[in-house]
Amino acid sequence: MNNDVIPTLEKHEAKIDTVLSDNGREICGRPDQHPYQLFLQLEEMEHRTTRVKRPYSNGIVERLHRTLLDEHFRVEGQRTWFKTIEEMQAVLDSYMEGYKRASQHPSVYVIEENRFC
């Protein structure tokens, strides 16, 4: 987020007010000690978490993950033997470009003229 998302948003004069996440340990922790919580405080972002066992809150992201798994990873994994993470990332980036153009899925945001589409 710090290396890619925030600089891109700043370039387009946009700002993240709130971050919604699940309750995973890699994201949640004591606000005065957890690195992610401290990062959000430094960036002045509010952190909200989804309710436990309520997939409705995070359904759009879960659906995108399932689409990526079903339409990309299972298909491409049978076609290509990836030797590095970079190779896998390049193929995923290419897939996502086509997906963004072909789909109106609300979890895929494209920054154009200072607004999310």
N, C-alpha and C. Protein backbone atom coordinates (compact mmCIF):
# COMPACT_ATOMS: atom_id res chain seq x y z
N MET A 1 0.84 -1.19 0.00
CA MET A 1 0.00 0.00 0.00
C MET A 1 0.88 1.25 0.00
N ASN A 2 1.91 1.22 0.80
CA ASN A 2 2.77 2.39 0.94
C ASN A 2 3.57 2.66 -0.33
N ASN A 3 3.98 1.60 -1.03
CA ASN A 3 4.82 1.75 -2.21
C ASN A 3 4.04 2.01 -3.49
N ASP A 4 2.84 1.46 -3.62
CA ASP A 4 2.10 1.55 -4.88
C ASP A 4 0.81 2.36 -4.78
N VAL A 5 -0.05 2.01 -3.85
CA VAL A 5 -1.38 2.60 -3.80
C VAL A 5 -1.35 4.08 -3.42
N ILE A 6 -0.73 4.40 -2.31
CA ILE A 6 -0.74 5.78 -1.82
C ILE A 6 -0.07 6.74 -2.80
N PRO A 7 1.12 6.41 -3.36
CA PRO A 7 1.71 7.33 -4.34
C PRO A 7 0.83 7.54 -5.58
N THR A 8 0.17 6.49 -6.03
CA THR A 8 -0.73 6.63 -7.18
C THR A 8 -1.90 7.53 -6.85
N LEU A 9 -2.49 7.35 -5.69
CA LEU A 9 -3.61 8.19 -5.29
C LEU A 9 -3.17 9.64 -5.12
N GLU A 10 -2.00 9.86 -4.51
CA GLU A 10 -1.50 11.23 -4.33
C GLU A 10 -1.26 11.90 -5.68
N LYS A 11 -0.77 11.13 -6.64
CA LYS A 11 -0.53 11.66 -7.98
C LYS A 11 -1.83 12.17 -8.61
N HIS A 12 -2.94 11.51 -8.28
CA HIS A 12 -4.25 11.89 -8.81
C HIS A 12 -5.06 12.71 -7.82
N GLU A 13 -4.39 13.19 -6.78
CA GLU A 13 -5.01 14.03 -5.75
C GLU A 13 -6.23 13.37 -5.11
N ALA A 14 -6.11 12.07 -4.84
CA ALA A 14 -7.17 11.33 -4.16
C ALA A 14 -6.62 10.84 -2.82
N LYS A 15 -7.51 10.50 -1.90
CA LYS A 15 -7.09 10.09 -0.57
C LYS A 15 -7.97 8.96 -0.08
N ILE A 16 -7.38 8.02 0.66
CA ILE A 16 -8.14 6.94 1.29
C ILE A 16 -8.54 7.41 2.67
N ASP A 17 -9.84 7.39 2.96
CA ASP A 17 -10.33 7.78 4.28
C ASP A 17 -10.45 6.56 5.20
N THR A 18 -10.95 5.44 4.64
CA THR A 18 -11.24 4.27 5.44
C THR A 18 -10.75 3.02 4.72
N VAL A 19 -10.19 2.10 5.49
CA VAL A 19 -9.77 0.80 4.98
C VAL A 19 -10.65 -0.25 5.64
N LEU A 20 -11.25 -1.12 4.81
CA LEU A 20 -12.07 -2.22 5.31
C LEU A 20 -11.30 -3.50 5.12
N SER A 21 -11.14 -4.28 6.18
CA SER A 21 -10.41 -5.54 6.09
C SER A 21 -11.10 -6.59 6.95
N ASP A 22 -10.62 -7.83 6.82
CA ASP A 22 -11.10 -8.86 7.72
C ASP A 22 -10.37 -8.71 9.05
N ASN A 23 -10.50 -9.68 9.90
CA ASN A 23 -9.92 -9.59 11.24
C ASN A 23 -8.63 -10.38 11.38
N GLY A 24 -7.92 -10.58 10.28
CA GLY A 24 -6.70 -11.38 10.30
C GLY A 24 -5.60 -10.76 11.15
N ARG A 25 -4.75 -11.61 11.70
CA ARG A 25 -3.66 -11.14 12.56
C ARG A 25 -2.65 -10.29 11.82
N GLU A 26 -2.51 -10.53 10.51
CA GLU A 26 -1.55 -9.73 9.75
C GLU A 26 -2.00 -8.29 9.58
N ILE A 27 -3.29 -8.02 9.84
CA ILE A 27 -3.85 -6.68 9.66
C ILE A 27 -4.30 -6.08 10.98
N CYS A 28 -4.82 -6.89 11.86
CA CYS A 28 -5.38 -6.39 13.12
C CYS A 28 -4.44 -6.68 14.29
N GLY A 29 -4.46 -5.80 15.23
CA GLY A 29 -3.65 -5.96 16.44
C GLY A 29 -3.82 -4.75 17.32
N ARG A 30 -3.01 -4.68 18.34
CA ARG A 30 -3.08 -3.53 19.25
C ARG A 30 -2.70 -2.27 18.49
N PRO A 31 -3.53 -1.24 18.55
CA PRO A 31 -3.26 0.00 17.80
C PRO A 31 -1.93 0.67 18.15
N ASP A 32 -1.44 0.43 19.37
CA ASP A 32 -0.19 1.09 19.77
C ASP A 32 1.05 0.26 19.46
N GLN A 33 0.88 -0.99 18.93
CA GLN A 33 2.03 -1.85 18.68
C GLN A 33 2.06 -2.48 17.29
N HIS A 34 0.92 -2.75 16.71
CA HIS A 34 0.87 -3.47 15.43
C HIS A 34 1.34 -2.57 14.29
N PRO A 35 2.28 -3.05 13.45
CA PRO A 35 2.84 -2.20 12.37
C PRO A 35 1.78 -1.66 11.40
N TYR A 36 0.82 -2.49 11.03
CA TYR A 36 -0.21 -2.03 10.09
C TYR A 36 -1.10 -0.97 10.73
N GLN A 37 -1.46 -1.18 11.99
CA GLN A 37 -2.29 -0.20 12.69
C GLN A 37 -1.54 1.13 12.82
N LEU A 38 -0.24 1.07 13.12
CA LEU A 38 0.56 2.29 13.23
C LEU A 38 0.65 2.99 11.87
N PHE A 39 0.81 2.22 10.80
CA PHE A 39 0.85 2.78 9.46
C PHE A 39 -0.44 3.53 9.14
N LEU A 40 -1.58 2.91 9.44
CA LEU A 40 -2.86 3.57 9.17
C LEU A 40 -3.01 4.85 9.97
N GLN A 41 -2.53 4.85 11.20
CA GLN A 41 -2.58 6.07 12.01
C GLN A 41 -1.72 7.17 11.41
N LEU A 42 -0.53 6.80 10.95
CA LEU A 42 0.36 7.80 10.32
C LEU A 42 -0.25 8.39 9.06
N GLU A 43 -0.97 7.57 8.31
CA GLU A 43 -1.60 8.03 7.07
C GLU A 43 -2.99 8.63 7.31
N GLU A 44 -3.40 8.68 8.58
CA GLU A 44 -4.70 9.23 8.99
C GLU A 44 -5.86 8.53 8.29
N MET A 45 -5.82 7.19 8.31
CA MET A 45 -6.87 6.36 7.73
C MET A 45 -7.61 5.64 8.85
N GLU A 46 -8.91 5.59 8.72
CA GLU A 46 -9.72 4.84 9.67
C GLU A 46 -9.68 3.37 9.27
N HIS A 47 -9.61 2.47 10.24
CA HIS A 47 -9.60 1.04 9.96
C HIS A 47 -10.89 0.42 10.47
N ARG A 48 -11.65 -0.15 9.54
CA ARG A 48 -12.87 -0.87 9.90
C ARG A 48 -12.67 -2.34 9.56
N THR A 49 -13.27 -3.20 10.35
CA THR A 49 -13.16 -4.63 10.08
C THR A 49 -14.55 -5.20 9.83
N THR A 50 -14.57 -6.27 9.04
CA THR A 50 -15.84 -6.94 8.75
C THR A 50 -16.26 -7.74 9.97
N ARG A 51 -17.54 -8.02 10.06
CA ARG A 51 -18.03 -8.83 11.16
C ARG A 51 -17.63 -10.29 10.92
N VAL A 52 -17.31 -10.97 11.98
CA VAL A 52 -16.90 -12.37 11.89
C VAL A 52 -18.08 -13.21 11.39
N LYS A 53 -17.78 -14.13 10.48
CA LYS A 53 -18.77 -15.06 9.90
C LYS A 53 -19.89 -14.33 9.18
N ARG A 54 -19.58 -13.19 8.57
CA ARG A 54 -20.55 -12.43 7.77
C ARG A 54 -19.94 -12.15 6.40
N PRO A 55 -20.03 -13.09 5.45
CA PRO A 55 -19.39 -12.89 4.16
C PRO A 55 -20.02 -11.77 3.34
N TYR A 56 -21.18 -11.29 3.74
CA TYR A 56 -21.86 -10.23 2.99
C TYR A 56 -21.03 -8.95 2.94
N SER A 57 -20.29 -8.68 4.02
CA SER A 57 -19.50 -7.45 4.09
C SER A 57 -18.37 -7.43 3.08
N ASN A 58 -17.83 -8.58 2.79
CA ASN A 58 -16.65 -8.66 1.95
C ASN A 58 -16.92 -9.49 0.70
N GLY A 59 -18.17 -9.61 0.33
CA GLY A 59 -18.58 -10.49 -0.76
C GLY A 59 -17.99 -10.15 -2.11
N ILE A 60 -17.83 -8.87 -2.41
CA ILE A 60 -17.30 -8.46 -3.71
C ILE A 60 -15.85 -8.94 -3.86
N VAL A 61 -15.06 -8.76 -2.82
CA VAL A 61 -13.66 -9.20 -2.87
C VAL A 61 -13.59 -10.72 -2.93
N GLU A 62 -14.42 -11.39 -2.13
CA GLU A 62 -14.43 -12.85 -2.15
C GLU A 62 -14.80 -13.37 -3.54
N ARG A 63 -15.75 -12.72 -4.19
CA ARG A 63 -16.16 -13.13 -5.54
C ARG A 63 -15.02 -12.91 -6.54
N LEU A 64 -14.31 -11.80 -6.43
CA LEU A 64 -13.17 -11.56 -7.31
C LEU A 64 -12.10 -12.62 -7.11
N HIS A 65 -11.83 -12.98 -5.86
CA HIS A 65 -10.84 -14.02 -5.59
C HIS A 65 -11.27 -15.35 -6.22
N ARG A 66 -12.55 -15.67 -6.13
CA ARG A 66 -13.04 -16.92 -6.72
C ARG A 66 -12.93 -16.87 -8.24
N THR A 67 -13.25 -15.72 -8.83
CA THR A 67 -13.12 -15.57 -10.28
C THR A 67 -11.68 -15.74 -10.71
N LEU A 68 -10.74 -15.11 -10.00
CA LEU A 68 -9.33 -15.26 -10.32
C LEU A 68 -8.89 -16.71 -10.21
N LEU A 69 -9.34 -17.39 -9.18
CA LEU A 69 -8.98 -18.79 -9.00
C LEU A 69 -9.54 -19.65 -10.13
N ASP A 70 -10.85 -19.51 -10.40
CA ASP A 70 -11.51 -20.35 -11.40
C ASP A 70 -11.10 -20.03 -12.83
N GLU A 71 -11.06 -18.75 -13.18
CA GLU A 71 -10.84 -18.37 -14.57
C GLU A 71 -9.37 -18.16 -14.93
N HIS A 72 -8.53 -17.92 -13.94
CA HIS A 72 -7.13 -17.64 -14.27
C HIS A 72 -6.17 -18.70 -13.72
N PHE A 73 -6.07 -18.81 -12.41
CA PHE A 73 -5.04 -19.66 -11.83
C PHE A 73 -5.20 -21.14 -12.18
N ARG A 74 -6.40 -21.67 -12.13
CA ARG A 74 -6.58 -23.09 -12.46
C ARG A 74 -6.31 -23.35 -13.94
N VAL A 75 -6.71 -22.44 -14.79
CA VAL A 75 -6.49 -22.59 -16.23
C VAL A 75 -5.02 -22.39 -16.56
N GLU A 76 -4.46 -21.28 -16.12
CA GLU A 76 -3.06 -20.95 -16.44
C GLU A 76 -2.10 -21.93 -15.75
N GLY A 77 -2.44 -22.41 -14.58
CA GLY A 77 -1.59 -23.35 -13.87
C GLY A 77 -1.45 -24.68 -14.60
N GLN A 78 -2.43 -25.06 -15.40
CA GLN A 78 -2.33 -26.28 -16.19
C GLN A 78 -1.56 -26.05 -17.48
N ARG A 79 -1.55 -24.81 -17.95
CA ARG A 79 -0.90 -24.46 -19.21
C ARG A 79 0.58 -24.12 -19.04
N THR A 80 0.92 -23.47 -17.93
CA THR A 80 2.26 -22.92 -17.75
C THR A 80 2.88 -23.39 -16.44
N TRP A 81 4.14 -23.75 -16.49
CA TRP A 81 4.89 -24.07 -15.27
C TRP A 81 5.70 -22.84 -14.92
N PHE A 82 5.32 -22.14 -13.86
CA PHE A 82 6.00 -20.92 -13.44
C PHE A 82 7.23 -21.26 -12.63
N LYS A 83 8.35 -20.65 -12.96
CA LYS A 83 9.59 -20.89 -12.23
C LYS A 83 9.83 -19.83 -11.17
N THR A 84 9.24 -18.64 -11.36
CA THR A 84 9.43 -17.56 -10.39
C THR A 84 8.10 -16.87 -10.11
N ILE A 85 8.05 -16.17 -9.01
CA ILE A 85 6.86 -15.38 -8.68
C ILE A 85 6.69 -14.25 -9.68
N GLU A 86 7.81 -13.71 -10.17
CA GLU A 86 7.75 -12.61 -11.14
C GLU A 86 7.04 -13.05 -12.43
N GLU A 87 7.30 -14.27 -12.90
CA GLU A 87 6.62 -14.79 -14.09
C GLU A 87 5.12 -14.89 -13.83
N MET A 88 4.76 -15.42 -12.67
CA MET A 88 3.35 -15.55 -12.31
C MET A 88 2.69 -14.17 -12.22
N GLN A 89 3.39 -13.20 -11.63
CA GLN A 89 2.85 -11.86 -11.49
C GLN A 89 2.63 -11.21 -12.85
N ALA A 90 3.56 -11.41 -13.79
CA ALA A 90 3.43 -10.82 -15.13
C ALA A 90 2.20 -11.37 -15.85
N VAL A 91 1.96 -12.67 -15.74
CA VAL A 91 0.78 -13.28 -16.38
C VAL A 91 -0.49 -12.79 -15.70
N LEU A 92 -0.47 -12.68 -14.37
CA LEU A 92 -1.64 -12.18 -13.65
C LEU A 92 -1.93 -10.72 -14.03
N ASP A 93 -0.89 -9.89 -14.13
CA ASP A 93 -1.09 -8.49 -14.52
C ASP A 93 -1.73 -8.40 -15.90
N SER A 94 -1.27 -9.23 -16.83
CA SER A 94 -1.84 -9.25 -18.17
C SER A 94 -3.30 -9.68 -18.13
N TYR A 95 -3.61 -10.70 -17.34
CA TYR A 95 -4.99 -11.16 -17.20
C TYR A 95 -5.88 -10.06 -16.63
N MET A 96 -5.37 -9.36 -15.59
CA MET A 96 -6.16 -8.30 -14.95
C MET A 96 -6.45 -7.15 -15.89
N GLU A 97 -5.51 -6.81 -16.77
CA GLU A 97 -5.77 -5.75 -17.76
C GLU A 97 -6.96 -6.12 -18.64
N GLY A 98 -6.98 -7.33 -19.13
CA GLY A 98 -8.11 -7.79 -19.95
C GLY A 98 -9.39 -7.88 -19.15
N TYR A 99 -9.27 -8.31 -17.89
CA TYR A 99 -10.45 -8.44 -17.02
C TYR A 99 -11.08 -7.08 -16.76
N LYS A 100 -10.24 -6.07 -16.53
CA LYS A 100 -10.76 -4.72 -16.25
C LYS A 100 -11.49 -4.16 -17.46
N ARG A 101 -10.98 -4.45 -18.65
CA ARG A 101 -11.64 -3.95 -19.87
C ARG A 101 -12.94 -4.69 -20.15
N ALA A 102 -12.96 -6.00 -19.90
CA ALA A 102 -14.11 -6.83 -20.26
C ALA A 102 -15.18 -6.87 -19.17
N SER A 103 -14.85 -6.52 -17.95
CA SER A 103 -15.76 -6.69 -16.82
C SER A 103 -16.12 -5.35 -16.19
N GLN A 104 -17.30 -5.29 -15.67
CA GLN A 104 -17.72 -4.12 -14.89
C GLN A 104 -17.75 -4.49 -13.42
N HIS A 105 -16.89 -5.43 -13.01
CA HIS A 105 -16.85 -5.89 -11.63
C HIS A 105 -16.49 -4.74 -10.71
N PRO A 106 -17.31 -4.45 -9.70
CA PRO A 106 -17.09 -3.27 -8.86
C PRO A 106 -15.83 -3.31 -8.01
N SER A 107 -15.19 -4.47 -7.86
CA SER A 107 -13.99 -4.49 -7.02
C SER A 107 -12.73 -4.14 -7.80
N VAL A 108 -12.86 -3.95 -9.11
CA VAL A 108 -11.70 -3.58 -9.92
C VAL A 108 -11.83 -2.10 -10.23
N TYR A 109 -10.94 -1.30 -9.66
CA TYR A 109 -11.01 0.14 -9.82
C TYR A 109 -9.91 0.61 -10.75
N VAL A 110 -10.25 1.52 -11.63
CA VAL A 110 -9.28 2.11 -12.52
C VAL A 110 -9.32 3.60 -12.28
N ILE A 111 -8.15 4.19 -12.07
CA ILE A 111 -8.09 5.62 -11.82
C ILE A 111 -8.05 6.35 -13.15
N GLU A 112 -9.03 7.20 -13.38
CA GLU A 112 -9.07 8.03 -14.57
C GLU A 112 -9.53 9.42 -14.16
N GLU A 113 -8.79 10.39 -14.52
CA GLU A 113 -9.17 11.79 -14.29
C GLU A 113 -9.62 12.05 -12.85
N ASN A 114 -8.81 11.61 -11.90
CA ASN A 114 -9.04 11.86 -10.47
C ASN A 114 -10.31 11.23 -9.90
N ARG A 115 -10.79 10.15 -10.51
CA ARG A 115 -11.96 9.48 -9.94
C ARG A 115 -11.82 7.99 -10.15
N PHE A 116 -12.49 7.21 -9.31
CA PHE A 116 -12.52 5.77 -9.48
C PHE A 116 -13.66 5.42 -10.40
N CYS A 117 -13.44 4.53 -11.33
CA CYS A 117 -14.49 4.09 -12.26
C CYS A 117 -14.90 2.67 -11.94
